[in-house]
Amino acid sequence: MCTFRISLDDKLVNSARMSFHDDNRMTLWMEETISAILMDYVSKTETKSVRIPRKHDALMGVLSGAPEIDYKREHLKEKYGL
């Protein structure tokens, strides 16, 4: 389990503290609430950005035959006749 140090407004915490039997219950509620928020965040970000692993060695093998070629210039020449 991770531990984070966070700062909260004293007045806000004291107002909320009245709703809990003791600080342990308030701490448990905060942990559960933040865990739920993080799970929701992770599930949303994982579906948006599926990461495809890229193999550097494989790419270097493809490009190793002609490292002196300026690929951007070649692309522009082929596409636009520049």
C-alpha atoms as a PDB file:
ATOM      1  CA  MET A   1       0.000   0.000   0.000  1.00  0.00           C
ATOM      2  CA  CYS A   2       1.287   3.491  -0.838  1.00  0.00           C
ATOM      3  CA  THR A   3       1.338   6.453   1.493  1.00  0.00           C
ATOM      4  CA  PHE A   4       0.882  10.006   0.246  1.00  0.00           C
ATOM      5  CA  ARG A   5       1.200  13.195   2.189  1.00  0.00           C
ATOM      6  CA  ILE A   6      -1.533  15.659   1.228  1.00  0.00           C
ATOM      7  CA  SER A   7      -2.630  19.036   2.554  1.00  0.00           C
ATOM      8  CA  LEU A   8      -6.273  19.857   3.177  1.00  0.00           C
ATOM      9  CA  ASP A   9      -8.060  22.960   4.402  1.00  0.00           C
ATOM     10  CA  ASP A  10      -8.368  22.745   8.208  1.00  0.00           C
ATOM     11  CA  LYS A  11     -11.840  24.278   8.275  1.00  0.00           C
ATOM     12  CA  LEU A  12     -13.110  21.831   5.680  1.00  0.00           C
ATOM     13  CA  VAL A  13     -11.669  18.826   7.507  1.00  0.00           C
ATOM     14  CA  ASN A  14     -13.054  19.988  10.857  1.00  0.00           C
ATOM     15  CA  SER A  15     -16.505  20.429   9.313  1.00  0.00           C
ATOM     16  CA  ALA A  16     -16.416  16.923   7.865  1.00  0.00           C
ATOM     17  CA  ARG A  17     -14.912  15.420  11.025  1.00  0.00           C
ATOM     18  CA  MET A  18     -18.222  15.998  12.846  1.00  0.00           C
ATOM     19  CA  SER A  19     -19.860  13.418  10.560  1.00  0.00           C
ATOM     20  CA  PHE A  20     -17.531  10.599  11.663  1.00  0.00           C
ATOM     21  CA  HIS A  21     -17.371   8.702  14.924  1.00  0.00           C
ATOM     22  CA  ASP A  22     -13.582   9.066  15.117  1.00  0.00           C
ATOM     23  CA  ASP A  23     -10.533   9.924  12.988  1.00  0.00           C
ATOM     24  CA  ASN A  24      -9.965   6.261  12.074  1.00  0.00           C
ATOM     25  CA  ARG A  25     -13.363   6.068  10.383  1.00  0.00           C
ATOM     26  CA  MET A  26     -12.723   9.339   8.583  1.00  0.00           C
ATOM     27  CA  THR A  27      -9.333   8.040   7.408  1.00  0.00           C
ATOM     28  CA  LEU A  28     -10.919   4.800   6.178  1.00  0.00           C
ATOM     29  CA  TRP A  29     -13.595   6.763   4.305  1.00  0.00           C
ATOM     30  CA  MET A  30     -10.930   8.961   2.668  1.00  0.00           C
ATOM     31  CA  GLU A  31      -8.901   5.915   1.605  1.00  0.00           C
ATOM     32  CA  GLU A  32     -11.952   4.195   0.118  1.00  0.00           C
ATOM     33  CA  THR A  33     -13.110   7.352  -1.644  1.00  0.00           C
ATOM     34  CA  ILE A  34      -9.708   8.144  -3.152  1.00  0.00           C
ATOM     35  CA  SER A  35      -9.264   4.503  -4.215  1.00  0.00           C
ATOM     36  CA  ALA A  36     -12.611   4.631  -6.033  1.00  0.00           C
ATOM     37  CA  ILE A  37     -11.631   7.891  -7.744  1.00  0.00           C
ATOM     38  CA  LEU A  38      -8.283   6.406  -8.835  1.00  0.00           C
ATOM     39  CA  MET A  39      -9.922   3.219 -10.166  1.00  0.00           C
ATOM     40  CA  ASP A  40     -12.346   5.317 -12.201  1.00  0.00           C
ATOM     41  CA  TYR A  41      -9.500   7.480 -13.522  1.00  0.00           C
ATOM     42  CA  VAL A  42      -7.348   4.490 -14.461  1.00  0.00           C
ATOM     43  CA  SER A  43     -10.204   2.729 -16.244  1.00  0.00           C
ATOM     44  CA  LYS A  44     -10.928   5.850 -18.300  1.00  0.00           C
ATOM     45  CA  THR A  45      -7.305   6.534 -19.218  1.00  0.00           C
ATOM     46  CA  GLU A  46      -6.524   2.904 -20.080  1.00  0.00           C
ATOM     47  CA  THR A  47      -9.321   2.740 -22.637  1.00  0.00           C
ATOM     48  CA  LYS A  48      -8.254   6.036 -24.226  1.00  0.00           C
ATOM     49  CA  SER A  49      -4.591   5.274 -24.649  1.00  0.00           C
ATOM     50  CA  VAL A  50      -3.875   1.691 -25.545  1.00  0.00           C
ATOM     51  CA  ARG A  51      -0.134   1.533 -25.679  1.00  0.00           C
ATOM     52  CA  ILE A  52       1.474  -0.454 -28.471  1.00  0.00           C
ATOM     53  CA  PRO A  53       4.959  -1.581 -27.511  1.00  0.00           C
ATOM     54  CA  ARG A  54       7.613  -0.429 -29.927  1.00  0.00           C
ATOM     55  CA  LYS A  55      10.770  -2.447 -30.314  1.00  0.00           C
ATOM     56  CA  HIS A  56      13.727  -0.142 -30.813  1.00  0.00           C
ATOM     57  CA  ASP A  57      15.955  -2.960 -32.086  1.00  0.00           C
ATOM     58  CA  ALA A  58      13.396  -3.979 -34.711  1.00  0.00           C
ATOM     59  CA  LEU A  59      13.078  -0.401 -35.953  1.00  0.00           C
ATOM     60  CA  MET A  60      16.835   0.012 -36.059  1.00  0.00           C
ATOM     61  CA  GLY A  61      17.039  -3.157 -38.161  1.00  0.00           C
ATOM     62  CA  VAL A  62      14.577  -1.750 -40.685  1.00  0.00           C
ATOM     63  CA  LEU A  63      16.415   1.566 -40.934  1.00  0.00           C
ATOM     64  CA  SER A  64      19.964   0.251 -40.702  1.00  0.00           C
ATOM     65  CA  GLY A  65      20.327  -0.303 -44.463  1.00  0.00           C
ATOM     66  CA  ALA A  66      20.473   3.397 -45.342  1.00  0.00           C
ATOM     67  CA  PRO A  67      21.147   5.588 -42.307  1.00  0.00           C
ATOM     68  CA  GLU A  68      22.349   8.439 -44.516  1.00  0.00           C
ATOM     69  CA  ILE A  69      18.921   8.964 -46.121  1.00  0.00           C
ATOM     70  CA  ASP A  70      16.964  12.025 -45.012  1.00  0.00           C
ATOM     71  CA  TYR A  71      13.564  10.327 -44.759  1.00  0.00           C
ATOM     72  CA  LYS A  72      11.624  13.537 -44.268  1.00  0.00           C
ATOM     73  CA  ARG A  73      13.097  15.015 -47.457  1.00  0.00           C
ATOM     74  CA  GLU A  74      12.464  11.791 -49.377  1.00  0.00           C
ATOM     75  CA  HIS A  75       8.854  11.747 -48.230  1.00  0.00           C
ATOM     76  CA  LEU A  76       8.311  15.350 -49.290  1.00  0.00           C
ATOM     77  CA  LYS A  77       9.950  14.685 -52.668  1.00  0.00           C
ATOM     78  CA  GLU A  78       7.772  11.620 -53.328  1.00  0.00           C
ATOM     79  CA  LYS A  79       4.547  13.200 -52.102  1.00  0.00           C
ATOM     80  CA  TYR A  80       4.878  16.746 -53.410  1.00  0.00           C
ATOM     81  CA  GLY A  81       7.598  16.496 -56.026  1.00  0.00           C
ATOM     82  CA  LEU A  82       9.872  18.886 -54.101  1.00  0.00           C
END
